[in-house]
């Protein structure tokens, strides 16, 4: 009789641990889903739009190269 009770108690404890593990997994899954949803909302904040071309600096660089090239060529002997 005692062995039956021990086995029955052991089975009940196993069921409780299995239920506890399932609850823990479902809580963990819920947390993961919540984190993923929050990330999806903030995703656009992390992806900045590409920088616009700085036309002023590019044109200035071209003018400076041309100026120094002309200056160099004017002093050739």
N, C-alpha and C. Protein backbone atom coordinates (compact mmCIF):
# COMPACT_ATOMS: atom_id res chain seq x y z
N UNK A 1 0.82 -1.19 0.00
CA UNK A 1 0.00 0.00 0.00
C UNK A 1 0.87 1.26 0.00
N UNK A 2 1.95 1.22 0.74
CA UNK A 2 2.82 2.39 0.82
C UNK A 2 3.47 2.67 -0.54
N UNK A 3 3.87 1.63 -1.24
CA UNK A 3 4.50 1.83 -2.54
C UNK A 3 3.52 2.47 -3.52
N UNK A 4 2.24 2.08 -3.44
CA UNK A 4 1.23 2.69 -4.30
C UNK A 4 1.09 4.18 -4.00
N UNK A 5 1.07 4.52 -2.73
CA UNK A 5 0.93 5.92 -2.34
C UNK A 5 2.16 6.72 -2.80
N UNK A 6 3.34 6.13 -2.63
CA UNK A 6 4.55 6.83 -3.05
C UNK A 6 4.55 7.07 -4.56
N UNK A 7 4.13 6.04 -5.32
CA UNK A 7 4.06 6.19 -6.77
C UNK A 7 3.03 7.23 -7.16
N UNK A 8 1.90 7.22 -6.47
CA UNK A 8 0.84 8.19 -6.77
C UNK A 8 1.32 9.60 -6.45
N UNK A 9 1.98 9.77 -5.31
CA UNK A 9 2.51 11.08 -4.93
C UNK A 9 3.57 11.53 -5.94
N UNK A 10 4.41 10.58 -6.34
CA UNK A 10 5.46 10.89 -7.32
C UNK A 10 4.84 11.34 -8.64
N UNK A 11 3.77 10.68 -9.08
CA UNK A 11 3.09 11.06 -10.32
C UNK A 11 2.47 12.44 -10.20
N UNK A 12 1.88 12.71 -9.06
CA UNK A 12 1.27 14.03 -8.84
C UNK A 12 2.35 15.11 -8.87
N UNK A 13 3.49 14.83 -8.24
CA UNK A 13 4.58 15.80 -8.25
C UNK A 13 5.11 16.00 -9.67
N UNK A 14 5.20 14.93 -10.43
CA UNK A 14 5.65 15.04 -11.82
C UNK A 14 4.69 15.90 -12.63
N UNK A 15 3.38 15.71 -12.41
CA UNK A 15 2.40 16.51 -13.13
C UNK A 15 2.54 17.98 -12.75
N UNK A 16 2.80 18.23 -11.46
CA UNK A 16 2.96 19.62 -11.02
C UNK A 16 4.21 20.24 -11.64
N UNK A 17 5.29 19.48 -11.68
CA UNK A 17 6.51 20.04 -12.27
C UNK A 17 6.34 20.26 -13.78
N UNK A 18 5.63 19.36 -14.43
CA UNK A 18 5.38 19.52 -15.86
C UNK A 18 4.53 20.76 -16.10
N UNK A 19 3.49 20.96 -15.28
CA UNK A 19 2.65 22.15 -15.42
C UNK A 19 3.46 23.41 -15.14
N UNK A 20 4.32 23.35 -14.13
CA UNK A 20 5.16 24.50 -13.79
C UNK A 20 6.09 24.82 -14.96
N UNK A 21 6.69 23.79 -15.56
CA UNK A 21 7.58 24.01 -16.69
C UNK A 21 6.82 24.59 -17.88
N UNK A 22 5.60 24.11 -18.13
CA UNK A 22 4.80 24.65 -19.22
C UNK A 22 4.48 26.12 -18.97
N UNK A 23 4.12 26.44 -17.72
CA UNK A 23 3.81 27.83 -17.39
C UNK A 23 5.05 28.71 -17.56
N UNK A 24 6.19 28.19 -17.13
CA UNK A 24 7.44 28.96 -17.26
C UNK A 24 7.76 29.19 -18.73
N UNK A 25 7.58 28.15 -19.56
CA UNK A 25 7.84 28.30 -20.99
C UNK A 25 6.87 29.29 -21.63
N UNK A 26 5.60 29.23 -21.25
CA UNK A 26 4.63 30.15 -21.84
C UNK A 26 4.94 31.59 -21.42
N UNK A 27 5.38 31.80 -20.17
CA UNK A 27 5.76 33.14 -19.73
C UNK A 27 6.97 33.63 -20.52
N UNK A 28 7.93 32.75 -20.72
CA UNK A 28 9.13 33.11 -21.47
C UNK A 28 8.76 33.44 -22.91
N UNK A 29 7.87 32.65 -23.50
CA UNK A 29 7.44 32.92 -24.88
C UNK A 29 6.71 34.25 -24.96
N UNK A 30 5.88 34.53 -23.95
CA UNK A 30 5.17 35.81 -23.94
C UNK A 30 6.15 36.97 -23.85
N UNK A 31 7.20 36.83 -23.05
CA UNK A 31 8.20 37.88 -22.94
C UNK A 31 8.94 38.07 -24.27
N UNK A 32 9.26 36.97 -24.92
CA UNK A 32 9.95 37.05 -26.21
C UNK A 32 9.06 37.74 -27.24
N UNK A 33 7.80 37.40 -27.26
CA UNK A 33 6.86 38.01 -28.20
C UNK A 33 6.74 39.51 -27.91
N UNK A 34 6.67 39.87 -26.63
CA UNK A 34 6.57 41.29 -26.26
C UNK A 34 7.81 42.05 -26.70
N UNK A 35 8.97 41.48 -26.49
CA UNK A 35 10.22 42.13 -26.90
C UNK A 35 10.26 42.28 -28.42
N UNK A 36 9.86 41.25 -29.13
CA UNK A 36 9.85 41.31 -30.60
C UNK A 36 8.89 42.38 -31.10
N UNK A 37 7.72 42.47 -30.50
CA UNK A 37 6.75 43.49 -30.91
C UNK A 37 7.29 44.89 -30.66
N UNK A 38 7.93 45.09 -29.52
CA UNK A 38 8.50 46.39 -29.21
C UNK A 38 9.62 46.73 -30.20
N UNK A 39 10.42 45.74 -30.54
CA UNK A 39 11.49 45.96 -31.52
C UNK A 39 10.90 46.35 -32.86
N UNK A 40 9.82 45.69 -33.27
CA UNK A 40 9.20 46.00 -34.55
C UNK A 40 8.71 47.45 -34.58
N UNK A 41 8.20 47.93 -33.45
CA UNK A 41 7.74 49.31 -33.40
C UNK A 41 8.88 50.30 -33.51
N UNK A 42 10.02 49.96 -32.92
CA UNK A 42 11.15 50.88 -32.89
C UNK A 42 12.15 50.64 -34.01
N UNK A 43 11.88 49.70 -34.87
CA UNK A 43 12.83 49.33 -35.92
C UNK A 43 13.20 50.52 -36.80
N UNK A 44 12.22 51.36 -37.12
CA UNK A 44 12.49 52.48 -38.01
C UNK A 44 13.39 53.53 -37.36
N UNK A 45 13.41 53.57 -36.06
CA UNK A 45 14.28 54.52 -35.38
C UNK A 45 15.74 54.12 -35.54
N UNK A 46 16.01 52.83 -35.65
CA UNK A 46 17.38 52.36 -35.79
C UNK A 46 17.88 52.48 -37.22
N UNK A 47 17.00 52.41 -38.16
CA UNK A 47 17.37 52.51 -39.58
C UNK A 47 17.25 53.97 -40.00
N UNK A 48 18.32 54.67 -39.94
CA UNK A 48 18.29 56.07 -40.35
C UNK A 48 18.30 56.14 -41.87
N UNK A 49 17.69 57.15 -42.42
CA UNK A 49 17.70 57.26 -43.88
C UNK A 49 19.12 57.56 -44.36
N UNK A 50 19.42 57.17 -45.58
CA UNK A 50 20.78 57.41 -46.09
C UNK A 50 21.06 58.92 -46.14
N UNK A 51 22.30 59.26 -45.93
CA UNK A 51 22.69 60.66 -45.92
C UNK A 51 22.53 61.26 -47.31
N UNK A 52 22.07 62.49 -47.35
CA UNK A 52 21.94 63.16 -48.64
C UNK A 52 23.32 63.55 -49.13
N UNK A 53 23.51 63.56 -50.41
CA UNK A 53 24.84 63.92 -50.93
C UNK A 53 25.13 65.39 -50.61
N UNK A 54 26.33 65.63 -50.18
CA UNK A 54 26.72 66.99 -49.84
C UNK A 54 27.31 67.64 -51.09
N UNK A 55 26.43 68.22 -51.88
CA UNK A 55 26.83 68.77 -53.17
C UNK A 55 27.78 69.95 -53.01
N UNK A 56 27.57 70.76 -51.99
CA UNK A 56 28.44 71.91 -51.78
C UNK A 56 29.88 71.47 -51.59
N UNK A 57 30.11 70.50 -50.72
CA UNK A 57 31.48 70.03 -50.46
C UNK A 57 32.09 69.36 -51.67
N UNK A 58 31.28 68.60 -52.40
CA UNK A 58 31.80 67.95 -53.59
C UNK A 58 32.23 68.99 -54.64
N UNK A 59 31.41 70.00 -54.85
CA UNK A 59 31.74 71.03 -55.83
C UNK A 59 32.92 71.88 -55.37
N UNK A 60 32.98 72.14 -54.07
CA UNK A 60 34.10 72.89 -53.53
C UNK A 60 35.40 72.13 -53.74
N UNK A 61 35.36 70.83 -53.51
CA UNK A 61 36.55 70.01 -53.71
C UNK A 61 37.01 70.05 -55.17
N UNK A 62 36.07 70.00 -56.10
CA UNK A 62 36.41 70.07 -57.52
C UNK A 62 37.04 71.42 -57.85
N UNK A 63 36.44 72.50 -57.32
CA UNK A 63 36.99 73.84 -57.57
C UNK A 63 38.40 73.98 -57.00
N UNK A 64 38.60 73.45 -55.80
CA UNK A 64 39.92 73.55 -55.16
C UNK A 64 40.96 72.77 -55.96
N UNK A 65 40.60 71.57 -56.42
CA UNK A 65 41.54 70.78 -57.23
C UNK A 65 41.90 71.54 -58.51
N UNK A 66 40.89 72.11 -59.15
CA UNK A 66 41.14 72.85 -60.37
C UNK A 66 42.01 74.07 -60.10
N UNK A 67 41.72 74.78 -59.01
CA UNK A 67 42.50 75.97 -58.66
C UNK A 67 43.95 75.60 -58.42
N UNK A 68 44.21 74.59 -57.61
CA UNK A 68 45.60 74.23 -57.32
C UNK A 68 46.30 73.63 -58.53
N UNK A 69 45.57 72.96 -59.37
CA UNK A 69 46.15 72.42 -60.61
C UNK A 69 46.55 73.58 -61.54
N UNK A 70 45.66 74.55 -61.66
CA UNK A 70 45.97 75.73 -62.48
C UNK A 70 47.14 76.51 -61.89
N UNK A 71 47.16 76.65 -60.58
CA UNK A 71 48.24 77.35 -59.91
C UNK A 71 49.57 76.64 -60.14
N UNK A 72 49.57 75.35 -60.04
CA UNK A 72 50.79 74.54 -60.27
C UNK A 72 51.26 74.70 -61.71
N UNK A 73 50.33 74.62 -62.65
CA UNK A 73 50.69 74.72 -64.07
C UNK A 73 51.15 76.12 -64.46
N UNK A 74 50.71 77.14 -63.78
CA UNK A 74 51.09 78.51 -64.13
C UNK A 74 52.53 78.81 -63.72
N UNK A 75 53.08 78.08 -62.74
CA UNK A 75 54.45 78.32 -62.30
C UNK A 75 55.46 77.35 -62.91
N UNK A 76 55.05 76.59 -63.88
CA UNK A 76 56.00 75.70 -64.56
C UNK A 76 56.96 76.51 -65.37
N UNK A 77 58.17 76.09 -65.37
CA UNK A 77 59.15 76.78 -66.18
C UNK A 77 59.41 76.08 -67.47
